[in-house]
Amino acid sequence: MGLESYFENFARREWQKTDPDGTVRIAIVGIGGFARNRALPAIEASTYCETTVLVTGSPDSSAETADEFGVETVIDYDEFLDGRVADAYDAVYIATPNATHSRYAVSAAERGKHVICEKPLETTVRRARTVIDACRDADVTLMTAYRLQLEPSVRRTRELIRDGVIGDVVQIHAGFSNPLLEHAGPQTWRLDPDLAGGGALVDLGVYPLNTIRFLLECDPIAVTATTHSVEAPFANVDEHVAFQAEFPGAVTASCTASYNAHASSGLRAVGTEGMVSVSSPFGGVVPHDIYVECGDVGMEYRGAPSDEVIEEFDYFGYCVLTGTEPEPNGEDGLRDIATVEAIYKAAASERRIEID
């Protein structure tokens, strides 16, 4: 198979086997910046989802947002937990601070509602397991919102690796940095370890971690790591993190993340017979720029970006409507949390930590 074949119909949705009827009505729990600026427009533009309820701590101040997107019902968190207007939605999208995810996810599952939850699924393995168990017991769909798994550039890269185009993968290098305080004040919940569960690793580093697991289709077996916090606002969380993950087959992944560096991201997989590089994979709207080397042959593909958040919600809606198990399910989210815990343990102990 020639390299050109991987880039034909680049944004194809190979996960979509049919075109189901209907839409999934979603209650958005937590109307922060990402929900307002990315999730709501993406759901509006999607084929298989629609927003019918907003859940927020300030219903009055969210009226303008509700009007903009034609959402008739706005309730507060207590009303959501009490089951108010539960007949108005089929599923919930949880975009609240990390340590509150299980509270809202479990409540939704107990009412028979499907769940798509922002990453990380929770802040500890134990709390993530409560979400998984609740959704399993209620027989509802649970998806961890790893939108990169639906991004065409990442999916084409996995195909290249899976088909052995670059031989056996030996090394993966990935990094994601974003200057947090250019977008949020020092009082943001992301700098509160009790709410966030960590700093740059939990918020940014989990993107390369999950994407590498997705590309290799296996989990790390051991990690080493270092974390640093220099500036005062980051005193309670990791400002910078670097970690190396060992995978089966002698594959190593070297990753970095930073809350206080120039906005940048990159991903490169090096194999025994070639390499593949993706430009800016973790920055939001991903340019479809991939460079592949295979032996003496090199090929670059450059295409217009697609909106990975639209892809994410269409995939979630498709899974709910067809009864398909999402690939980034609850177990996928839990495995990342287990790895994150091991990375923090490795950094604190300055030792290599094996992952069970």
Protein backbone atom coordinates (compact mmCIF):
# COMPACT_ATOMS: atom_id res chain seq x y z
CA MET A 1 0.00 0.00 0.00
CA GLY A 2 1.46 3.38 -1.03
CA LEU A 3 1.75 6.29 1.35
CA GLU A 4 -0.75 8.24 -0.76
CA SER A 5 -3.56 5.89 0.23
CA TYR A 6 -3.37 6.98 3.86
CA PHE A 7 -4.08 10.58 2.88
CA GLU A 8 -6.97 9.95 0.52
CA ASN A 9 -10.27 11.11 2.04
CA PHE A 10 -8.15 12.22 4.98
CA ALA A 11 -11.00 13.17 7.33
CA ARG A 12 -12.94 9.95 6.75
CA ARG A 13 -14.93 8.65 9.71
CA GLU A 14 -14.08 4.98 9.53
CA TRP A 15 -15.84 4.51 12.88
CA GLN A 16 -19.18 5.39 11.28
CA LYS A 17 -20.84 2.28 9.87
CA THR A 18 -24.36 3.69 9.48
CA ASP A 19 -26.32 6.94 9.68
CA PRO A 20 -28.66 6.62 12.67
CA ASP A 21 -31.84 8.65 13.01
CA GLY A 22 -32.41 11.16 15.78
CA THR A 23 -30.20 13.16 18.11
CA VAL A 24 -28.99 12.83 21.68
CA ARG A 25 -30.26 15.67 23.90
CA ILE A 26 -27.44 16.89 26.12
CA ALA A 27 -27.32 18.75 29.42
CA ILE A 28 -24.04 20.63 29.72
CA VAL A 29 -22.91 20.57 33.35
CA GLY A 30 -20.49 23.46 33.90
CA ILE A 31 -20.49 26.49 31.61
CA GLY A 32 -16.84 27.50 31.74
CA GLY A 33 -14.79 28.93 28.90
CA PHE A 34 -14.31 25.68 26.99
CA ALA A 35 -17.98 24.74 27.25
CA ARG A 36 -19.08 28.17 26.05
CA ASN A 37 -16.50 28.71 23.34
CA ARG A 38 -15.93 25.21 21.98
CA ALA A 39 -18.45 22.63 23.19
CA LEU A 40 -21.67 24.58 22.66
CA PRO A 41 -20.79 25.66 19.09
CA ALA A 42 -19.59 22.13 18.29
CA ILE A 43 -22.77 20.51 19.54
CA GLU A 44 -24.82 23.03 17.56
CA ALA A 45 -22.86 22.12 14.43
CA SER A 46 -22.94 18.37 15.07
CA THR A 47 -25.28 15.86 13.45
CA TYR A 48 -26.09 13.56 16.35
CA CYS A 49 -26.25 15.85 19.41
CA GLU A 50 -28.18 18.91 20.56
CA THR A 51 -28.02 20.96 23.75
CA THR A 52 -31.29 21.20 25.66
CA VAL A 53 -30.20 22.09 29.22
CA LEU A 54 -27.45 24.20 30.79
CA VAL A 55 -26.37 23.48 34.37
CA THR A 56 -24.45 26.28 36.05
CA GLY A 57 -23.72 27.90 39.39
CA SER A 58 -25.08 31.21 38.04
CA PRO A 59 -28.24 30.64 35.99
CA ASP A 60 -28.97 34.37 35.66
CA SER A 61 -25.55 35.19 34.21
CA SER A 62 -25.85 32.27 31.77
CA ALA A 63 -29.07 33.58 30.21
CA GLU A 64 -27.20 35.28 27.39
CA THR A 65 -25.36 32.07 26.54
CA ALA A 66 -28.64 30.15 26.60
CA ASP A 67 -30.23 32.68 24.25
CA GLU A 68 -27.27 32.58 21.88
CA PHE A 69 -27.54 28.82 21.42
CA GLY A 70 -31.31 28.50 21.73
CA VAL A 71 -31.25 26.53 24.99
CA GLU A 72 -34.55 26.95 26.80
CA THR A 73 -33.70 25.44 30.19
CA VAL A 74 -31.05 26.66 32.64
CA ILE A 75 -30.78 25.17 36.14
CA ASP A 76 -28.27 25.23 38.97
CA TYR A 77 -26.21 22.33 40.28
CA ASP A 78 -28.49 21.48 43.20
CA GLU A 79 -31.48 21.35 40.88
CA PHE A 80 -29.55 19.01 38.60
CA LEU A 81 -28.65 16.72 41.49
CA ASP A 82 -32.30 16.74 42.59
CA GLY A 83 -33.34 15.54 39.14
CA ARG A 84 -35.13 18.65 37.96
CA VAL A 85 -36.05 18.58 34.24
CA ALA A 86 -34.44 15.15 33.90
CA ASP A 87 -36.92 14.37 31.12
CA ALA A 88 -35.40 17.19 29.03
CA TYR A 89 -32.08 15.45 28.30
CA ASP A 90 -30.74 12.01 27.42
CA ALA A 91 -27.08 12.54 28.31
CA VAL A 92 -24.75 14.88 30.18
CA TYR A 93 -21.50 16.53 29.21
CA ILE A 94 -19.54 17.20 32.41
CA ALA A 95 -17.15 20.15 32.23
CA THR A 96 -16.83 21.08 35.91
CA PRO A 97 -13.58 21.05 37.94
CA ASN A 98 -11.94 17.63 37.92
CA ALA A 99 -12.67 16.62 41.52
CA THR A 100 -16.41 17.12 41.01
CA HIS A 101 -16.77 14.88 37.96
CA SER A 102 -17.84 11.77 39.86
CA ARG A 103 -20.56 13.62 41.77
CA TYR A 104 -22.37 14.69 38.62
CA ALA A 105 -21.58 11.61 36.56
CA VAL A 106 -22.91 9.21 39.18
CA SER A 107 -26.04 11.32 39.66
CA ALA A 108 -26.67 11.29 35.91
CA ALA A 109 -26.08 7.54 35.58
CA GLU A 110 -28.47 6.80 38.43
CA ARG A 111 -31.18 8.53 36.38
CA GLY A 112 -30.34 6.49 33.30
CA LYS A 113 -28.47 9.28 31.50
CA HIS A 114 -25.46 8.68 29.28
CA VAL A 115 -22.22 10.46 30.23
CA ILE A 116 -19.44 12.18 28.33
CA CYS A 117 -16.97 13.53 30.87
CA GLU A 118 -14.04 15.87 30.37
CA LYS A 119 -10.60 14.52 31.08
CA PRO A 120 -9.37 13.48 33.52
CA LEU A 121 -12.31 11.25 34.38
CA GLU A 122 -11.60 12.02 38.04
CA THR A 123 -8.64 12.89 40.25
CA THR A 124 -7.96 9.40 41.66
CA VAL A 125 -8.31 5.83 40.48
CA ARG A 126 -10.79 5.10 43.27
CA ARG A 127 -13.08 7.98 42.32
CA ALA A 128 -12.85 7.16 38.63
CA ARG A 129 -13.90 3.62 39.41
CA THR A 130 -17.09 4.89 41.07
CA VAL A 131 -18.04 6.59 37.79
CA ILE A 132 -17.32 3.46 35.77
CA ASP A 133 -19.27 1.26 38.16
CA ALA A 134 -22.28 3.60 38.24
CA CYS A 135 -22.49 3.76 34.44
CA ARG A 136 -22.04 0.00 34.11
CA ASP A 137 -24.74 -0.72 36.70
CA ALA A 138 -27.13 1.69 34.94
CA ASP A 139 -26.24 0.27 31.50
CA VAL A 140 -25.50 3.72 30.08
CA THR A 141 -22.74 4.88 27.75
CA LEU A 142 -19.66 6.41 29.39
CA MET A 143 -17.10 8.26 27.28
CA THR A 144 -14.01 10.11 28.48
CA ALA A 145 -13.72 13.23 26.33
CA TYR A 146 -10.42 12.46 24.61
CA ARG A 147 -11.20 14.36 21.45
CA LEU A 148 -7.72 13.70 20.00
CA GLN A 149 -8.76 10.09 19.42
CA LEU A 150 -11.31 11.39 16.90
CA GLU A 151 -8.88 13.80 15.23
CA PRO A 152 -8.10 12.67 11.66
CA SER A 153 -4.36 13.38 11.90
CA VAL A 154 -4.06 11.17 14.96
CA ARG A 155 -6.20 8.42 13.44
CA ARG A 156 -4.15 8.37 10.23
CA THR A 157 -0.96 8.21 12.33
CA ARG A 158 -2.31 5.17 14.18
CA GLU A 159 -3.04 3.49 10.84
CA LEU A 160 0.52 4.15 9.67
CA ILE A 161 1.92 2.66 12.89
CA ARG A 162 -0.51 -0.27 12.94
CA ASP A 163 0.34 -1.21 9.33
CA GLY A 164 4.08 -1.15 10.03
CA VAL A 165 4.82 1.66 7.59
CA ILE A 166 7.61 2.98 9.85
CA GLY A 167 8.62 -0.46 11.09
CA ASP A 168 8.60 -1.20 14.80
CA VAL A 169 8.13 1.93 16.90
CA VAL A 170 11.16 2.57 19.11
CA GLN A 171 10.68 6.12 20.40
CA ILE A 172 7.88 8.64 20.68
CA HIS A 173 8.51 12.28 21.57
CA ALA A 174 5.64 14.57 22.53
CA GLY A 175 5.16 17.89 24.29
CA PHE A 176 2.41 20.34 25.13
CA SER A 177 2.87 23.75 26.72
CA ASN A 178 0.34 26.52 27.25
CA PRO A 179 0.83 29.64 29.39
CA LEU A 180 -2.09 29.26 31.80
CA LEU A 181 -1.98 32.73 33.32
CA GLU A 182 -2.42 34.35 29.92
CA HIS A 183 -5.90 32.85 29.87
CA ALA A 184 -6.89 32.59 33.55
CA GLY A 185 -6.27 34.43 36.80
CA PRO A 186 -4.17 33.06 39.66
CA GLN A 187 -7.37 32.07 41.49
CA THR A 188 -8.35 29.57 38.80
CA TRP A 189 -9.39 26.16 40.08
CA ARG A 190 -6.66 24.64 37.91
CA LEU A 191 -4.11 25.85 40.49
CA ASP A 192 -6.03 24.29 43.38
CA PRO A 193 -4.67 20.75 43.84
CA ASP A 194 -7.81 19.62 45.65
CA LEU A 195 -10.00 20.54 42.69
CA ALA A 196 -7.60 19.86 39.84
CA GLY A 197 -5.74 16.80 41.14
CA GLY A 198 -2.46 18.20 39.82
CA GLY A 199 -1.08 20.83 37.50
CA ALA A 200 0.49 20.76 34.05
CA LEU A 201 0.57 16.96 33.97
CA VAL A 202 -3.15 16.54 34.68
CA ASP A 203 -4.31 19.38 32.45
CA LEU A 204 -1.83 19.22 29.55
CA GLY A 205 0.44 16.20 29.87
CA VAL A 206 -2.49 13.81 29.78
CA TYR A 207 -3.01 14.71 26.09
CA PRO A 208 0.31 13.26 24.87
CA LEU A 209 -0.04 10.40 27.36
CA ASN A 210 -3.46 9.33 26.13
CA THR A 211 -2.61 9.94 22.48
CA ILE A 212 0.52 7.78 22.71
CA ARG A 213 -1.46 4.99 24.38
CA PHE A 214 -4.00 5.29 21.56
CA LEU A 215 -1.31 5.15 18.86
CA LEU A 216 0.49 2.16 20.36
CA GLU A 217 -2.72 0.41 21.46
CA CYS A 218 -1.13 -0.63 24.74
CA ASP A 219 -0.42 0.77 28.20
CA PRO A 220 2.86 1.85 29.84
CA ILE A 221 4.51 -0.58 32.20
CA ALA A 222 6.81 1.86 34.06
CA VAL A 223 7.58 5.57 34.33
CA THR A 224 10.25 7.98 35.51
CA ALA A 225 9.55 11.69 35.96
CA THR A 226 10.50 15.11 37.29
CA THR A 227 8.29 18.07 38.17
CA HIS A 228 9.24 21.70 38.86
CA SER A 229 7.38 24.74 40.12
CA VAL A 230 9.26 28.05 40.03
CA GLU A 231 6.77 30.90 39.89
CA ALA A 232 4.64 31.68 42.97
CA PRO A 233 1.17 31.03 41.43
CA PHE A 234 2.23 27.43 40.74
CA ALA A 235 3.47 26.70 44.28
CA ASN A 236 0.84 24.01 44.93
CA VAL A 237 0.86 22.26 41.55
CA ASP A 238 3.41 21.23 38.96
CA GLU A 239 4.33 24.13 36.69
CA HIS A 240 6.53 21.94 34.46
CA VAL A 241 6.69 18.16 34.09
CA ALA A 242 8.86 15.76 32.12
CA PHE A 243 8.25 12.04 32.12
CA GLN A 244 9.40 8.95 30.30
CA ALA A 245 7.03 6.02 29.88
CA GLU A 246 8.13 2.50 29.04
CA PHE A 247 5.82 0.38 26.90
CA PRO A 248 5.90 -3.31 26.03
CA GLY A 249 8.38 -4.19 23.32
CA ALA A 250 11.10 -1.78 24.47
CA VAL A 251 9.20 1.28 23.25
CA THR A 252 9.86 4.50 25.16
CA ALA A 253 7.88 7.74 25.13
CA SER A 254 9.46 11.00 26.30
CA CYS A 255 6.93 13.71 27.13
CA THR A 256 6.90 17.24 28.52
CA ALA A 257 4.17 19.64 29.60
CA SER A 258 4.27 23.16 30.97
CA TYR A 259 1.86 25.73 32.37
CA ASN A 260 4.39 28.53 31.93
CA ALA A 261 5.98 28.31 28.49
CA HIS A 262 5.24 29.48 24.98
CA ALA A 263 2.18 27.75 23.53
CA SER A 264 3.47 24.77 21.58
CA SER A 265 2.76 21.13 20.89
CA GLY A 266 4.31 18.36 18.85
CA LEU A 267 4.30 14.60 18.31
CA ARG A 268 6.88 12.40 16.56
CA ALA A 269 7.07 8.61 16.39
CA VAL A 270 10.36 7.04 15.29
CA GLY A 271 10.47 3.46 14.08
CA THR A 272 13.04 1.02 12.78
CA GLU A 273 12.22 1.91 9.16
CA GLY A 274 10.91 5.46 9.28
CA MET A 275 9.15 8.16 11.24
CA VAL A 276 5.89 10.11 11.33
CA SER A 277 5.48 13.64 12.71
CA VAL A 278 2.24 15.52 13.44
CA SER A 279 2.29 19.32 13.64
CA SER A 280 0.61 20.95 16.65
CA PRO A 281 -1.60 17.98 17.62
CA PHE A 282 -2.64 19.19 21.07
CA GLY A 283 -3.46 22.85 20.54
CA GLY A 284 -7.21 22.79 19.92
CA VAL A 285 -7.94 23.12 16.20
CA VAL A 286 -5.38 20.73 14.73
CA PRO A 287 -3.85 21.46 11.32
CA HIS A 288 -3.84 18.38 9.14
CA ASP A 289 -0.06 18.44 8.66
CA ILE A 290 1.74 15.10 8.73
CA TYR A 291 5.22 14.25 7.53
CA VAL A 292 6.13 10.60 6.96
CA GLU A 293 9.48 9.03 6.13
CA CYS A 294 9.67 5.40 5.05
CA GLY A 295 13.15 4.30 4.07
CA ASP A 296 14.31 6.72 1.37
CA VAL A 297 10.80 8.01 0.68
CA GLY A 298 9.33 11.07 2.40
CA MET A 299 5.86 12.53 2.03
CA GLU A 300 4.17 15.55 3.55
CA TYR A 301 0.42 16.00 3.74
CA ARG A 302 -1.09 19.42 4.43
CA GLY A 303 -4.84 19.89 4.63
CA ALA A 304 -7.48 22.17 6.09
CA PRO A 305 -8.17 21.45 9.77
CA SER A 306 -11.40 19.96 11.01
CA ASP A 307 -13.02 20.73 14.36
CA GLU A 308 -12.09 17.87 16.68
CA VAL A 309 -14.81 18.88 19.15
CA ILE A 310 -17.50 18.40 16.51
CA GLU A 311 -15.94 15.02 15.74
CA GLU A 312 -16.02 14.16 19.44
CA PHE A 313 -19.71 14.95 19.95
CA ASP A 314 -20.78 13.31 16.71
CA TYR A 315 -18.90 10.19 17.80
CA PHE A 316 -20.50 10.25 21.24
CA GLY A 317 -23.97 10.74 19.76
CA TYR A 318 -23.34 7.97 17.24
CA CYS A 319 -22.26 5.60 20.02
CA VAL A 320 -25.37 6.33 22.09
CA LEU A 321 -27.75 6.03 19.14
CA THR A 322 -26.23 2.77 17.87
CA GLY A 323 -25.29 1.16 21.19
CA THR A 324 -21.59 1.23 20.27
CA GLU A 325 -18.99 1.18 23.04
CA PRO A 326 -16.80 4.32 22.76
CA GLU A 327 -13.11 3.65 22.32
CA PRO A 328 -12.21 6.35 24.88
CA ASN A 329 -14.46 4.77 27.49
CA GLY A 330 -14.27 4.88 31.28
CA GLU A 331 -11.52 2.27 31.48
CA ASP A 332 -9.42 4.34 29.09
CA GLY A 333 -9.78 7.33 31.41
CA LEU A 334 -8.99 5.23 34.46
CA ARG A 335 -5.75 3.88 32.94
CA ASP A 336 -4.51 7.42 32.38
CA ILE A 337 -5.25 8.32 36.00
CA ALA A 338 -3.32 5.26 37.17
CA THR A 339 -0.39 6.36 35.02
CA VAL A 340 -0.63 9.95 36.28
CA GLU A 341 -0.50 8.69 39.87
CA ALA A 342 2.60 6.65 39.00
CA ILE A 343 4.24 9.69 37.34
CA TYR A 344 3.72 11.84 40.44
CA LYS A 345 5.05 9.03 42.61
CA ALA A 346 8.11 8.70 40.38
CA ALA A 347 8.77 12.44 40.54
CA ALA A 348 8.41 12.56 44.32
CA SER A 349 10.59 9.50 44.95
CA GLU A 350 13.07 10.07 42.12
CA ARG A 351 12.67 6.40 41.25
CA ARG A 352 11.39 4.31 38.37
CA ILE A 353 7.84 3.22 39.18
CA GLU A 354 6.30 0.13 37.69
CA ILE A 355 2.58 0.29 36.83
CA ASP A 356 0.32 -2.60 37.71
